[in-house]
């Protein structure tokens, strides 16, 4: 090493020592804080998933009840044959027959939609299991 200042001249060997006292002082704290943050994120995710699962389960139970009620209505109150007999015998005008048939078909469509929603919800619940 050399130092060339006009009034002084230094030429020789220089030995230096570097002590990393403050370089890594917060790494352990940072690692501990990151570990705590990851654990909290995991807990939050578990709580969110459990809440979603419970919500889907309640929705599936409600849809199952709706589908069962529709099935009960259709098994106990199937009046399609009676409506046709009343129309064909002339006891019911065409407009009333068509309106009653439309009510029946719209209710049947609602039953099919409820069954579809139930199957979708059950498939989501099976996805949570995997």
Protein backbone atom coordinates (compact mmCIF):
# COMPACT_ATOMS: atom_id res chain seq x y z
CA UNK A 1 0.00 0.00 0.00
CA UNK A 2 1.23 3.41 -0.63
CA UNK A 3 0.24 6.88 0.45
CA UNK A 4 1.56 9.72 -1.56
CA UNK A 5 0.89 13.00 0.18
CA UNK A 6 3.34 15.81 -0.62
CA UNK A 7 4.59 16.23 2.93
CA UNK A 8 4.58 12.57 3.90
CA UNK A 9 5.40 9.39 2.14
CA UNK A 10 4.26 6.03 3.39
CA UNK A 11 4.95 2.77 1.69
CA UNK A 12 4.50 -0.56 3.36
CA UNK A 13 2.23 -3.38 4.32
CA UNK A 14 -1.13 -2.76 5.97
CA UNK A 15 -3.13 -5.38 7.84
CA UNK A 16 -6.83 -4.89 8.56
CA UNK A 17 -9.45 -6.79 10.47
CA UNK A 18 -13.19 -6.49 9.99
CA UNK A 19 -15.52 -7.67 12.74
CA UNK A 20 -19.15 -8.09 11.62
CA UNK A 21 -20.63 -7.10 14.96
CA UNK A 22 -23.66 -5.20 13.69
CA UNK A 23 -24.10 -6.80 10.28
CA UNK A 24 -26.26 -9.76 11.39
CA UNK A 25 -27.66 -8.47 14.63
CA UNK A 26 -31.35 -8.38 13.53
CA UNK A 27 -31.43 -11.48 11.34
CA UNK A 28 -32.58 -13.76 14.15
CA UNK A 29 -35.34 -11.36 15.16
CA UNK A 30 -36.40 -10.97 11.55
CA UNK A 31 -36.49 -14.73 11.06
CA UNK A 32 -38.55 -15.17 14.23
CA UNK A 33 -40.96 -12.44 13.13
CA UNK A 34 -41.30 -14.05 9.70
CA UNK A 35 -42.02 -17.42 11.32
CA UNK A 36 -44.73 -15.85 13.49
CA UNK A 37 -46.21 -14.09 10.45
CA UNK A 38 -46.30 -17.32 8.45
CA UNK A 39 -47.98 -19.14 11.35
CA UNK A 40 -50.61 -16.39 11.62
CA UNK A 41 -51.25 -16.48 7.88
CA UNK A 42 -51.70 -20.24 8.07
CA UNK A 43 -54.16 -19.88 10.96
CA UNK A 44 -56.07 -17.19 9.07
CA UNK A 45 -56.28 -19.40 6.00
CA UNK A 46 -57.52 -22.33 8.09
CA UNK A 47 -60.22 -20.14 9.64
CA UNK A 48 -61.29 -18.85 6.23
CA UNK A 49 -61.45 -22.35 4.75
CA UNK A 50 -63.36 -23.67 7.75
CA UNK A 51 -65.85 -20.80 7.41
CA UNK A 52 -66.29 -21.44 3.70
CA UNK A 53 -66.76 -25.14 4.34
CA UNK A 54 -69.38 -24.51 7.03
CA UNK A 55 -71.18 -22.03 4.76
CA UNK A 56 -71.25 -24.54 1.89
CA UNK A 57 -72.44 -27.28 4.24
CA UNK A 58 -75.31 -25.11 5.50
CA UNK A 59 -76.17 -24.20 1.92
CA UNK A 60 -76.17 -27.89 0.93
CA UNK A 61 -78.46 -28.76 3.84
CA UNK A 62 -80.88 -25.99 2.86
CA UNK A 63 -80.85 -27.04 -0.79
CA UNK A 64 -81.42 -30.68 0.18
CA UNK A 65 -84.46 -29.62 2.19
CA UNK A 66 -85.76 -27.61 -0.77
CA UNK A 67 -85.27 -30.51 -3.18
CA UNK A 68 -87.05 -32.86 -0.77
CA UNK A 69 -90.01 -30.48 -0.47
CA UNK A 70 -90.28 -30.19 -4.26
CA UNK A 71 -90.12 -33.98 -4.61
CA UNK A 72 -92.85 -34.36 -1.99
CA UNK A 73 -95.07 -31.85 -3.77
CA UNK A 74 -94.64 -33.59 -7.11
CA UNK A 75 -95.31 -37.06 -5.71
CA UNK A 76 -98.35 -36.05 -3.66
CA UNK A 77 -99.92 -33.49 -6.00
CA UNK A 78 -99.39 -34.67 -9.56
CA UNK A 79 -102.45 -33.22 -11.30
CA UNK A 80 -101.30 -33.32 -14.93
CA UNK A 81 -103.74 -36.12 -15.82
CA UNK A 82 -106.63 -34.40 -14.06
CA UNK A 83 -105.89 -31.13 -15.83
CA UNK A 84 -105.90 -32.84 -19.20
CA UNK A 85 -109.15 -34.66 -18.43
CA UNK A 86 -110.78 -31.40 -17.33
CA UNK A 87 -109.63 -29.67 -20.51
CA UNK A 88 -110.59 -32.50 -22.84
CA UNK A 89 -114.05 -32.82 -21.28
CA UNK A 90 -114.65 -29.08 -21.70
CA UNK A 91 -114.82 -28.28 -17.97
CA UNK A 92 -111.72 -26.07 -18.24
CA UNK A 93 -111.01 -23.48 -20.92
CA UNK A 94 -107.77 -23.64 -22.90
CA UNK A 95 -106.34 -20.52 -21.23
CA UNK A 96 -106.74 -21.97 -17.73
CA UNK A 97 -105.28 -25.30 -18.86
CA UNK A 98 -102.23 -23.56 -20.36
CA UNK A 99 -101.74 -21.41 -17.25
CA UNK A 100 -101.93 -24.41 -14.94
CA UNK A 101 -99.52 -26.33 -17.15
CA UNK A 102 -97.14 -23.36 -17.13
CA UNK A 103 -97.27 -23.21 -13.30
CA UNK A 104 -96.52 -26.92 -13.16
CA UNK A 105 -93.59 -26.65 -15.58
CA UNK A 106 -92.12 -23.58 -13.86
CA UNK A 107 -92.25 -25.39 -10.53
CA UNK A 108 -90.63 -28.43 -12.10
CA UNK A 109 -87.90 -26.17 -13.53
CA UNK A 110 -87.30 -24.71 -10.06
CA UNK A 111 -86.92 -28.24 -8.71
CA UNK A 112 -84.33 -29.03 -11.38
CA UNK A 113 -82.45 -25.81 -10.61
CA UNK A 114 -82.43 -26.65 -6.91
CA UNK A 115 -81.07 -30.12 -7.71
CA UNK A 116 -78.37 -28.59 -9.91
CA UNK A 117 -77.38 -26.12 -7.20
CA UNK A 118 -77.28 -28.94 -4.66
CA UNK A 119 -75.00 -31.04 -6.86
CA UNK A 120 -72.69 -28.05 -7.45
CA UNK A 121 -72.49 -27.37 -3.72
CA UNK A 122 -71.79 -31.04 -2.98
CA UNK A 123 -69.02 -31.06 -5.56
CA UNK A 124 -67.47 -27.99 -3.89
CA UNK A 125 -67.66 -29.77 -0.54
CA UNK A 126 -65.92 -32.78 -2.06
CA UNK A 127 -63.26 -30.38 -3.38
CA UNK A 128 -62.66 -29.16 0.19
CA UNK A 129 -62.13 -32.76 1.29
CA UNK A 130 -59.40 -33.31 -1.27
